[in-house]
């Protein structure tokens, strides 16, 4: 397996061009994973990655080919609470760079970090629209934990007459409660 060069990606210390490269990478990933979603505005994306809870330590690494980010790994370490032994993590690889050992290489990077943090389990997420993620997780021996489904409803498709009927029925059934 090729020995890829990983760079620690600290969003707090990143230059504007590094943040933009990360944004471009992530938008390619989301384009594949959530093809019906509009592209997230750069400023909103930047705000999201620069602000996070102080109870979580976020560690990121990227692999680049020239200035293009081709792969990325993220780990979320709990600093408070009872589940400090569990970390959440994700590996993303651009489609044209998959099946080259990059995910496995980044998995080793994750392993080194979780051992340092005394974690015994990594929870991964996967997109149902990207079969490569579930195939990779199956290949490395990950077992299905809990599943989450994201359901999308276009606002224009909401039947407001039905909503009004439900609100009226709720008022009849729960006189002691108020909907605001």
N, C-alpha and C. Protein backbone atom coordinates (compact mmCIF):
# COMPACT_ATOMS: atom_id res chain seq x y z
N UNK A 1 0.84 -1.17 0.00
CA UNK A 1 0.00 0.00 0.00
C UNK A 1 0.89 1.24 0.00
N UNK A 2 0.49 2.23 -0.77
CA UNK A 2 1.22 3.48 -0.86
C UNK A 2 1.18 4.21 0.48
N UNK A 3 2.25 4.89 0.81
CA UNK A 3 2.31 5.66 2.04
C UNK A 3 1.92 7.11 1.72
N UNK A 4 0.68 7.44 1.94
CA UNK A 4 0.16 8.77 1.64
C UNK A 4 0.60 9.75 2.72
N UNK A 5 0.75 10.99 2.34
CA UNK A 5 1.11 12.03 3.31
C UNK A 5 -0.17 12.67 3.83
N UNK A 6 -0.36 12.58 5.14
CA UNK A 6 -1.52 13.22 5.76
C UNK A 6 -1.08 14.50 6.43
N UNK A 7 -1.92 15.50 6.32
CA UNK A 7 -1.68 16.77 7.00
C UNK A 7 -2.80 16.99 7.99
N UNK A 8 -2.43 17.39 9.19
CA UNK A 8 -3.44 17.75 10.17
C UNK A 8 -4.17 18.98 9.65
N UNK A 9 -5.49 18.95 9.70
CA UNK A 9 -6.28 20.09 9.25
C UNK A 9 -6.95 20.70 10.46
N UNK A 10 -6.45 21.85 10.89
CA UNK A 10 -7.01 22.57 12.02
C UNK A 10 -7.79 23.74 11.46
N UNK A 11 -9.10 23.64 11.47
CA UNK A 11 -9.94 24.68 10.87
C UNK A 11 -9.69 26.03 11.53
N UNK A 12 -9.38 26.03 12.82
CA UNK A 12 -9.15 27.29 13.53
C UNK A 12 -7.90 28.01 13.04
N UNK A 13 -6.91 27.25 12.57
CA UNK A 13 -5.65 27.85 12.13
C UNK A 13 -5.51 27.88 10.61
N UNK A 14 -6.50 27.36 9.91
CA UNK A 14 -6.41 27.26 8.45
C UNK A 14 -6.49 28.64 7.80
N UNK A 15 -5.78 28.77 6.70
CA UNK A 15 -5.86 30.00 5.91
C UNK A 15 -7.18 29.99 5.14
N UNK A 16 -7.52 31.12 4.59
CA UNK A 16 -8.74 31.21 3.79
C UNK A 16 -8.69 30.25 2.61
N UNK A 17 -7.54 30.13 1.95
CA UNK A 17 -7.44 29.22 0.80
C UNK A 17 -7.55 27.76 1.24
N UNK A 18 -7.04 27.43 2.42
CA UNK A 18 -7.18 26.06 2.93
C UNK A 18 -8.64 25.76 3.27
N UNK A 19 -9.32 26.73 3.88
CA UNK A 19 -10.75 26.54 4.18
C UNK A 19 -11.55 26.38 2.89
N UNK A 20 -11.21 27.15 1.88
CA UNK A 20 -11.91 27.07 0.60
C UNK A 20 -11.66 25.71 -0.06
N UNK A 21 -10.44 25.21 0.01
CA UNK A 21 -10.13 23.88 -0.56
C UNK A 21 -10.92 22.80 0.17
N UNK A 22 -11.03 22.93 1.49
CA UNK A 22 -11.81 21.98 2.27
C UNK A 22 -13.29 22.06 1.89
N UNK A 23 -13.78 23.27 1.73
CA UNK A 23 -15.16 23.49 1.29
C UNK A 23 -15.40 22.82 -0.06
N UNK A 24 -14.52 23.06 -1.02
CA UNK A 24 -14.67 22.47 -2.35
C UNK A 24 -14.71 20.94 -2.28
N UNK A 25 -13.82 20.36 -1.46
CA UNK A 25 -13.80 18.91 -1.26
C UNK A 25 -15.14 18.43 -0.70
N UNK A 26 -15.57 19.08 0.37
CA UNK A 26 -16.78 18.62 1.04
C UNK A 26 -18.01 18.80 0.16
N UNK A 27 -18.05 19.82 -0.65
CA UNK A 27 -19.19 20.01 -1.55
C UNK A 27 -19.25 18.89 -2.60
N UNK A 28 -18.09 18.39 -3.03
CA UNK A 28 -18.07 17.24 -3.96
C UNK A 28 -18.62 16.00 -3.27
N UNK A 29 -18.25 15.81 -2.01
CA UNK A 29 -18.75 14.66 -1.25
C UNK A 29 -20.27 14.78 -1.08
N UNK A 30 -20.75 15.96 -0.69
CA UNK A 30 -22.19 16.15 -0.48
C UNK A 30 -22.98 16.08 -1.78
N UNK A 31 -22.37 16.48 -2.88
CA UNK A 31 -23.03 16.38 -4.19
C UNK A 31 -23.37 14.93 -4.51
N UNK A 32 -22.47 14.04 -4.14
CA UNK A 32 -22.70 12.61 -4.35
C UNK A 32 -23.67 12.05 -3.30
N UNK A 33 -23.47 12.46 -2.05
CA UNK A 33 -24.23 11.89 -0.94
C UNK A 33 -25.67 12.41 -0.88
N UNK A 34 -25.85 13.67 -1.20
CA UNK A 34 -27.18 14.30 -1.11
C UNK A 34 -27.43 15.10 -2.38
N UNK A 35 -27.62 14.40 -3.48
CA UNK A 35 -27.68 15.07 -4.79
C UNK A 35 -28.83 16.06 -4.96
N UNK A 36 -29.89 15.92 -4.19
CA UNK A 36 -31.03 16.83 -4.32
C UNK A 36 -30.90 18.10 -3.48
N UNK A 37 -29.90 18.14 -2.62
CA UNK A 37 -29.73 19.31 -1.76
C UNK A 37 -29.02 20.44 -2.51
N UNK A 38 -29.41 21.67 -2.25
CA UNK A 38 -28.67 22.79 -2.86
C UNK A 38 -27.29 22.90 -2.23
N UNK A 39 -26.38 23.48 -2.96
CA UNK A 39 -25.02 23.66 -2.45
C UNK A 39 -25.06 24.62 -1.26
N UNK A 40 -24.39 24.25 -0.20
CA UNK A 40 -24.34 25.08 1.00
C UNK A 40 -23.47 26.31 0.74
N UNK A 41 -23.92 27.50 1.12
CA UNK A 41 -23.09 28.69 0.92
C UNK A 41 -21.78 28.59 1.72
N UNK A 42 -20.71 29.07 1.13
CA UNK A 42 -19.39 28.98 1.75
C UNK A 42 -19.36 29.59 3.15
N UNK A 43 -19.91 30.78 3.31
CA UNK A 43 -19.85 31.46 4.62
C UNK A 43 -20.57 30.65 5.70
N UNK A 44 -21.68 30.03 5.37
CA UNK A 44 -22.41 29.21 6.33
C UNK A 44 -21.58 27.97 6.69
N UNK A 45 -21.01 27.34 5.68
CA UNK A 45 -20.16 26.17 5.89
C UNK A 45 -18.98 26.52 6.80
N UNK A 46 -18.34 27.63 6.51
CA UNK A 46 -17.19 28.08 7.29
C UNK A 46 -17.57 28.29 8.75
N UNK A 47 -18.70 28.92 8.98
CA UNK A 47 -19.18 29.16 10.34
C UNK A 47 -19.41 27.83 11.07
N UNK A 48 -19.96 26.85 10.35
CA UNK A 48 -20.25 25.55 10.97
C UNK A 48 -18.98 24.82 11.39
N UNK A 49 -17.94 24.88 10.58
CA UNK A 49 -16.74 24.12 10.95
C UNK A 49 -15.86 24.87 11.95
N UNK A 50 -16.06 26.17 12.05
CA UNK A 50 -15.25 26.94 13.01
C UNK A 50 -15.85 26.97 14.40
N UNK A 51 -17.12 26.63 14.51
CA UNK A 51 -17.81 26.68 15.81
C UNK A 51 -18.28 25.28 16.20
N UNK A 52 -17.83 24.82 17.34
CA UNK A 52 -18.31 23.54 17.87
C UNK A 52 -18.24 23.57 19.38
N UNK A 53 -18.90 22.64 19.99
CA UNK A 53 -18.97 22.55 21.44
C UNK A 53 -17.58 22.33 22.04
N UNK A 54 -17.34 22.98 23.16
CA UNK A 54 -16.06 22.78 23.85
C UNK A 54 -16.00 21.43 24.55
N UNK A 55 -17.11 20.71 24.61
CA UNK A 55 -17.11 19.38 25.23
C UNK A 55 -16.64 18.30 24.26
N UNK A 56 -16.37 18.72 23.02
CA UNK A 56 -15.90 17.79 21.99
C UNK A 56 -14.60 18.32 21.39
N UNK A 57 -13.63 17.43 21.26
CA UNK A 57 -12.40 17.79 20.56
C UNK A 57 -12.50 17.20 19.15
N UNK A 58 -12.31 18.04 18.15
CA UNK A 58 -12.40 17.61 16.76
C UNK A 58 -10.99 17.55 16.19
N UNK A 59 -10.66 16.40 15.59
CA UNK A 59 -9.36 16.24 14.92
C UNK A 59 -9.62 15.84 13.47
N UNK A 60 -8.93 16.52 12.56
CA UNK A 60 -9.11 16.27 11.13
C UNK A 60 -7.74 16.12 10.47
N UNK A 61 -7.72 15.27 9.41
CA UNK A 61 -6.55 15.14 8.56
C UNK A 61 -7.00 15.10 7.11
N UNK A 62 -6.15 15.57 6.24
CA UNK A 62 -6.45 15.53 4.81
C UNK A 62 -5.28 14.90 4.07
N UNK A 63 -5.60 14.36 2.92
CA UNK A 63 -4.58 13.94 1.96
C UNK A 63 -4.79 14.83 0.75
N UNK A 64 -3.69 15.36 0.25
CA UNK A 64 -3.76 16.26 -0.91
C UNK A 64 -2.97 15.69 -2.07
N UNK A 65 -3.43 16.04 -3.23
CA UNK A 65 -2.65 15.84 -4.45
C UNK A 65 -2.52 17.23 -5.05
N UNK A 66 -1.33 17.77 -4.97
CA UNK A 66 -1.10 19.19 -5.25
C UNK A 66 -1.94 19.97 -4.24
N UNK A 67 -2.79 20.85 -4.68
CA UNK A 67 -3.63 21.63 -3.74
C UNK A 67 -5.01 21.00 -3.54
N UNK A 68 -5.33 19.97 -4.32
CA UNK A 68 -6.64 19.32 -4.25
C UNK A 68 -6.70 18.35 -3.07
N UNK A 69 -7.68 18.54 -2.19
CA UNK A 69 -7.90 17.57 -1.12
C UNK A 69 -8.60 16.37 -1.75
N UNK A 70 -8.01 15.20 -1.61
CA UNK A 70 -8.56 13.99 -2.21
C UNK A 70 -9.23 13.08 -1.18
N UNK A 71 -8.85 13.26 0.09
CA UNK A 71 -9.41 12.43 1.15
C UNK A 71 -9.32 13.17 2.47
N UNK A 72 -10.16 12.74 3.39
CA UNK A 72 -10.30 13.47 4.64
C UNK A 72 -10.77 12.51 5.72
N UNK A 73 -10.28 12.70 6.92
CA UNK A 73 -10.74 11.92 8.07
C UNK A 73 -11.03 12.88 9.21
N UNK A 74 -12.08 12.57 9.95
CA UNK A 74 -12.45 13.40 11.11
C UNK A 74 -12.78 12.49 12.28
N UNK A 75 -12.38 12.92 13.46
CA UNK A 75 -12.70 12.22 14.71
C UNK A 75 -13.26 13.23 15.70
N UNK A 76 -14.29 12.83 16.42
CA UNK A 76 -14.90 13.65 17.46
C UNK A 76 -14.69 12.95 18.79
N UNK A 77 -13.89 13.54 19.66
CA UNK A 77 -13.62 12.95 20.97
C UNK A 77 -14.44 13.65 22.04
N UNK A 78 -15.18 12.87 22.82
CA UNK A 78 -15.97 13.40 23.94
C UNK A 78 -15.03 13.78 25.07
N UNK A 79 -15.15 14.99 25.55
CA UNK A 79 -14.32 15.44 26.68
C UNK A 79 -15.10 15.42 27.99
N UNK A 80 -16.41 15.23 27.90
CA UNK A 80 -17.26 15.18 29.09
C UNK A 80 -18.23 14.01 28.94
N UNK A 81 -18.85 13.63 30.04
CA UNK A 81 -19.88 12.60 29.98
C UNK A 81 -19.34 11.20 30.22
N UNK A 82 -20.21 10.23 29.98
CA UNK A 82 -19.91 8.85 30.32
C UNK A 82 -19.33 8.04 29.17
N UNK A 83 -19.44 8.51 27.96
CA UNK A 83 -19.02 7.69 26.81
C UNK A 83 -17.72 8.16 26.17
N UNK A 84 -16.74 8.49 26.99
CA UNK A 84 -15.47 8.96 26.45
C UNK A 84 -14.72 7.85 25.71
N UNK A 85 -15.11 6.61 25.92
CA UNK A 85 -14.45 5.48 25.25
C UNK A 85 -14.93 5.32 23.80
N UNK A 86 -15.99 6.05 23.43
CA UNK A 86 -16.54 5.96 22.07
C UNK A 86 -16.24 7.28 21.36
N UNK A 87 -15.74 7.18 20.16
CA UNK A 87 -15.53 8.36 19.33
C UNK A 87 -16.34 8.20 18.05
N UNK A 88 -16.73 9.31 17.49
CA UNK A 88 -17.37 9.28 16.18
C UNK A 88 -16.32 9.64 15.16
N UNK A 89 -16.36 8.99 14.03
CA UNK A 89 -15.38 9.26 13.00
C UNK A 89 -15.92 9.02 11.61
N UNK A 90 -15.32 9.67 10.67
CA UNK A 90 -15.70 9.49 9.27
C UNK A 90 -14.47 9.58 8.39
N UNK A 91 -14.52 8.84 7.31
CA UNK A 91 -13.49 8.89 6.27
C UNK A 91 -14.20 9.21 4.96
N UNK A 92 -13.71 10.21 4.27
CA UNK A 92 -14.27 10.58 2.97
C UNK A 92 -13.15 10.56 1.94
N UNK A 93 -13.43 9.95 0.80
CA UNK A 93 -12.47 9.90 -0.30
C UNK A 93 -13.22 10.27 -1.57
N UNK A 94 -12.66 11.18 -2.36
CA UNK A 94 -13.30 11.53 -3.62
C UNK A 94 -13.46 10.29 -4.49
N UNK A 95 -14.57 10.18 -5.22
CA UNK A 95 -14.84 8.97 -6.01
C UNK A 95 -13.69 8.53 -6.92
N UNK A 96 -13.04 9.47 -7.57
CA UNK A 96 -11.98 9.10 -8.50
C UNK A 96 -10.69 8.62 -7.82
N UNK A 97 -10.64 8.72 -6.48
CA UNK A 97 -9.46 8.27 -5.74
C UNK A 97 -9.76 7.04 -4.88
N UNK A 98 -10.95 6.49 -4.99
CA UNK A 98 -11.31 5.31 -4.20
C UNK A 98 -10.67 4.05 -4.79
N UNK A 99 -10.65 3.01 -3.97
CA UNK A 99 -10.11 1.70 -4.36
C UNK A 99 -8.61 1.74 -4.60
N UNK A 100 -7.93 2.66 -3.89
CA UNK A 100 -6.48 2.80 -4.01
C UNK A 100 -5.79 2.64 -2.66
N UNK A 101 -6.55 2.21 -1.65
CA UNK A 101 -5.97 2.01 -0.33
C UNK A 101 -5.98 3.24 0.56
N UNK A 102 -6.56 4.34 0.09
CA UNK A 102 -6.54 5.58 0.87
C UNK A 102 -7.40 5.45 2.13
N UNK A 103 -8.59 4.87 2.02
CA UNK A 103 -9.45 4.68 3.18
C UNK A 103 -8.78 3.82 4.24
N UNK A 104 -8.15 2.75 3.82
CA UNK A 104 -7.44 1.86 4.75
C UNK A 104 -6.27 2.60 5.40
N UNK A 105 -5.56 3.39 4.62
CA UNK A 105 -4.46 4.19 5.15
C UNK A 105 -4.98 5.15 6.22
N UNK A 106 -6.11 5.82 5.94
CA UNK A 106 -6.68 6.76 6.91
C UNK A 106 -7.25 6.04 8.13
N UNK A 107 -7.73 4.83 7.95
CA UNK A 107 -8.20 4.03 9.07
C UNK A 107 -7.06 3.79 10.06
N UNK A 108 -5.87 3.55 9.56
CA UNK A 108 -4.70 3.36 10.44
C UNK A 108 -4.41 4.65 11.21
N UNK A 109 -4.58 5.79 10.55
CA UNK A 109 -4.39 7.08 11.22
C UNK A 109 -5.42 7.23 12.35
N UNK A 110 -6.65 6.85 12.05
CA UNK A 110 -7.70 6.90 13.08
C UNK A 110 -7.33 6.00 14.25
N UNK A 111 -6.88 4.81 13.94
CA UNK A 111 -6.51 3.84 14.97
C UNK A 111 -5.46 4.42 15.91
N UNK A 112 -4.42 5.02 15.35
CA UNK A 112 -3.36 5.62 16.17
C UNK A 112 -3.94 6.66 17.13
N UNK A 113 -4.83 7.48 16.63
CA UNK A 113 -5.41 8.55 17.45
C UNK A 113 -6.36 8.02 18.52
N UNK A 114 -7.20 7.05 18.18
CA UNK A 114 -8.15 6.55 19.19
C UNK A 114 -7.42 5.81 20.30
N UNK A 115 -6.32 5.16 19.98
CA UNK A 115 -5.52 4.50 21.01
C UNK A 115 -4.94 5.55 21.96
N UNK A 116 -4.43 6.65 21.40
CA UNK A 116 -3.89 7.74 22.25
C UNK A 116 -4.96 8.30 23.18
N UNK A 117 -6.19 8.33 22.73
CA UNK A 117 -7.29 8.92 23.51
C UNK A 117 -8.02 7.88 24.37
N UNK A 118 -7.51 6.64 24.42
CA UNK A 118 -8.10 5.56 25.22
C UNK A 118 -9.53 5.22 24.80
N UNK A 119 -9.81 5.33 23.53
CA UNK A 119 -11.13 4.95 23.01
C UNK A 119 -11.10 3.49 22.61
N UNK A 120 -12.25 2.84 22.78
CA UNK A 120 -12.33 1.42 22.43
C UNK A 120 -13.29 1.17 21.27
N UNK A 121 -13.98 2.23 20.80
CA UNK A 121 -14.94 2.05 19.72
C UNK A 121 -15.05 3.32 18.88
N UNK A 122 -15.20 3.12 17.56
CA UNK A 122 -15.45 4.23 16.65
C UNK A 122 -16.83 4.01 16.04
N UNK A 123 -17.68 5.02 16.14
CA UNK A 123 -18.97 5.01 15.46
C UNK A 123 -18.79 5.74 14.13
N UNK A 124 -19.09 5.04 13.04
CA UNK A 124 -19.00 5.62 11.70
C UNK A 124 -20.40 5.94 11.18
N UNK A 125 -20.48 6.92 10.32
CA UNK A 125 -21.71 7.21 9.59
C UNK A 125 -21.48 6.82 8.14
N UNK A 126 -22.56 6.58 7.44
CA UNK A 126 -22.45 6.32 6.01
C UNK A 126 -23.67 6.90 5.32
N UNK A 127 -23.50 7.26 4.07
CA UNK A 127 -24.61 7.77 3.27
C UNK A 127 -25.19 6.62 2.46
N UNK A 128 -26.50 6.46 2.50
CA UNK A 128 -27.13 5.38 1.74
C UNK A 128 -26.98 5.59 0.23
N UNK A 129 -26.69 6.81 -0.17
CA UNK A 129 -26.52 7.13 -1.59
C UNK A 129 -25.13 6.80 -2.10
N UNK A 130 -24.23 6.40 -1.21
CA UNK A 130 -22.85 6.08 -1.59
C UNK A 130 -22.53 4.66 -1.11
N UNK A 131 -22.69 3.70 -1.95
CA UNK A 131 -22.48 2.31 -1.54
C UNK A 131 -21.04 2.03 -1.14
N UNK A 132 -20.10 2.83 -1.61
CA UNK A 132 -18.69 2.58 -1.28
C UNK A 132 -18.45 2.67 0.22
N UNK A 133 -19.20 3.53 0.92
CA UNK A 133 -19.03 3.65 2.37
C UNK A 133 -19.42 2.39 3.11
N UNK A 134 -20.59 1.85 2.78
CA UNK A 134 -21.02 0.63 3.47
C UNK A 134 -20.14 -0.56 3.09
N UNK A 135 -19.68 -0.58 1.84
CA UNK A 135 -18.79 -1.67 1.41
C UNK A 135 -17.47 -1.62 2.18
N UNK A 136 -16.93 -0.41 2.34
CA UNK A 136 -15.67 -0.24 3.08
C UNK A 136 -15.85 -0.67 4.53
N UNK A 137 -16.92 -0.20 5.17
CA UNK A 137 -17.14 -0.53 6.58
C UNK A 137 -17.34 -2.04 6.77
N UNK A 138 -18.04 -2.65 5.85
CA UNK A 138 -18.24 -4.11 5.91
C UNK A 138 -16.89 -4.82 5.76
N UNK A 139 -16.08 -4.35 4.84
CA UNK A 139 -14.77 -4.96 4.56
C UNK A 139 -13.84 -4.89 5.78
N UNK A 140 -13.90 -3.80 6.53
CA UNK A 140 -13.00 -3.66 7.69
C UNK A 140 -13.57 -4.31 8.95
N UNK A 141 -14.78 -4.87 8.85
CA UNK A 141 -15.35 -5.60 9.97
C UNK A 141 -16.27 -4.80 10.87
N UNK A 142 -16.66 -3.61 10.44
CA UNK A 142 -17.59 -2.81 11.24
C UNK A 142 -18.96 -3.49 11.25
N UNK A 143 -19.59 -3.46 12.39
CA UNK A 143 -20.92 -4.06 12.54
C UNK A 143 -21.96 -2.94 12.59
N UNK A 144 -23.11 -3.20 12.00
CA UNK A 144 -24.18 -2.22 11.99
C UNK A 144 -24.65 -1.98 13.41
N UNK A 145 -24.61 -0.72 13.83
CA UNK A 145 -25.11 -0.34 15.15
C UNK A 145 -26.54 0.14 14.99
N UNK A 146 -26.78 1.35 15.38
CA UNK A 146 -28.11 1.90 15.16
C UNK A 146 -28.14 2.57 13.79
N UNK A 147 -29.31 2.65 13.22
CA UNK A 147 -29.44 3.28 11.92
C UNK A 147 -30.26 4.56 12.07
N UNK A 148 -29.97 5.50 11.20
CA UNK A 148 -30.68 6.77 11.19
C UNK A 148 -31.11 7.04 9.76
N UNK A 149 -32.31 7.52 9.62
CA UNK A 149 -32.81 7.89 8.30
C UNK A 149 -33.10 9.38 8.31
N UNK A 150 -32.73 10.04 7.26
CA UNK A 150 -33.05 11.45 7.11
C UNK A 150 -34.14 11.53 6.06
N UNK A 151 -35.27 12.06 6.45
CA UNK A 151 -36.40 12.22 5.54
C UNK A 151 -36.48 13.69 5.16
N UNK A 152 -36.69 13.95 3.89
CA UNK A 152 -36.75 15.33 3.41
C UNK A 152 -38.14 15.64 2.90
N UNK A 153 -38.63 16.80 3.26
CA UNK A 153 -39.95 17.26 2.83
C UNK A 153 -39.79 18.67 2.29
N UNK A 154 -40.17 18.86 1.05
CA UNK A 154 -40.12 20.19 0.46
C UNK A 154 -41.26 21.02 1.05
N UNK A 155 -40.94 22.20 1.48
CA UNK A 155 -41.92 23.08 2.11
C UNK A 155 -43.12 23.28 1.20
N UNK A 156 -42.88 23.41 -0.08
CA UNK A 156 -43.97 23.63 -1.04
C UNK A 156 -44.94 22.44 -1.07
N UNK A 157 -44.49 21.27 -0.63
CA UNK A 157 -45.34 20.08 -0.66
C UNK A 157 -46.17 19.90 0.62
N UNK A 158 -46.00 20.78 1.59
CA UNK A 158 -46.77 20.66 2.83
C UNK A 158 -48.23 21.02 2.56
N UNK A 159 -49.11 20.15 2.99
CA UNK A 159 -50.54 20.36 2.85
C UNK A 159 -51.00 21.19 4.05
N UNK A 160 -51.09 22.50 3.87
CA UNK A 160 -51.43 23.39 4.99
C UNK A 160 -52.85 23.16 5.50
N UNK A 161 -53.76 22.74 4.64
CA UNK A 161 -55.12 22.44 5.09
C UNK A 161 -55.08 21.27 6.09
N UNK A 162 -54.28 20.25 5.76
CA UNK A 162 -54.12 19.11 6.65
C UNK A 162 -53.48 19.56 7.97
N UNK A 163 -52.48 20.43 7.89
CA UNK A 163 -51.85 20.94 9.12
C UNK A 163 -52.88 21.66 10.00
N UNK A 164 -53.72 22.48 9.38
CA UNK A 164 -54.76 23.19 10.13
C UNK A 164 -55.72 22.23 10.79
N UNK A 165 -56.08 21.14 10.09
CA UNK A 165 -56.97 20.13 10.67
C UNK A 165 -56.32 19.46 11.88
N UNK A 166 -55.04 19.15 11.76
CA UNK A 166 -54.33 18.51 12.86
C UNK A 166 -54.26 19.44 14.07
N UNK A 167 -54.02 20.71 13.83
CA UNK A 167 -53.95 21.67 14.93
C UNK A 167 -55.31 21.77 15.62
N UNK A 168 -56.39 21.82 14.83
CA UNK A 168 -57.73 21.89 15.41
C UNK A 168 -58.01 20.64 16.25
N UNK A 169 -57.65 19.47 15.74
CA UNK A 169 -57.86 18.22 16.49
C UNK A 169 -57.01 18.19 17.75
N UNK A 170 -55.81 18.72 17.67
CA UNK A 170 -54.93 18.75 18.84
C UNK A 170 -55.55 19.61 19.93
N UNK A 171 -56.13 20.72 19.52
CA UNK A 171 -56.79 21.60 20.50
C UNK A 171 -57.96 20.89 21.17
N UNK A 172 -58.69 20.09 20.43
CA UNK A 172 -59.82 19.34 20.99
C UNK A 172 -59.34 18.26 21.95
N UNK A 173 -58.28 17.57 21.59
CA UNK A 173 -57.79 16.44 22.38
C UNK A 173 -56.99 16.85 23.60
N UNK A 174 -56.35 17.98 23.52
CA UNK A 174 -55.46 18.37 24.61
C UNK A 174 -55.77 19.80 25.05
N UNK A 175 -56.89 19.96 25.68
CA UNK A 175 -57.34 21.29 26.08
C UNK A 175 -56.37 21.96 27.04
N UNK A 176 -55.63 21.17 27.81
CA UNK A 176 -54.72 21.74 28.82
C UNK A 176 -53.39 22.18 28.22
N UNK A 177 -53.18 21.97 26.91
CA UNK A 177 -51.92 22.31 26.26
C UNK A 177 -52.17 23.37 25.19
N UNK A 178 -51.12 24.09 24.87
CA UNK A 178 -51.24 25.15 23.86
C UNK A 178 -50.11 25.02 22.86
N UNK A 179 -50.43 25.13 21.58
CA UNK A 179 -49.41 25.13 20.53
C UNK A 179 -49.09 26.58 20.18
N UNK A 180 -47.83 26.90 20.15
CA UNK A 180 -47.42 28.27 19.82
C UNK A 180 -46.65 28.29 18.52
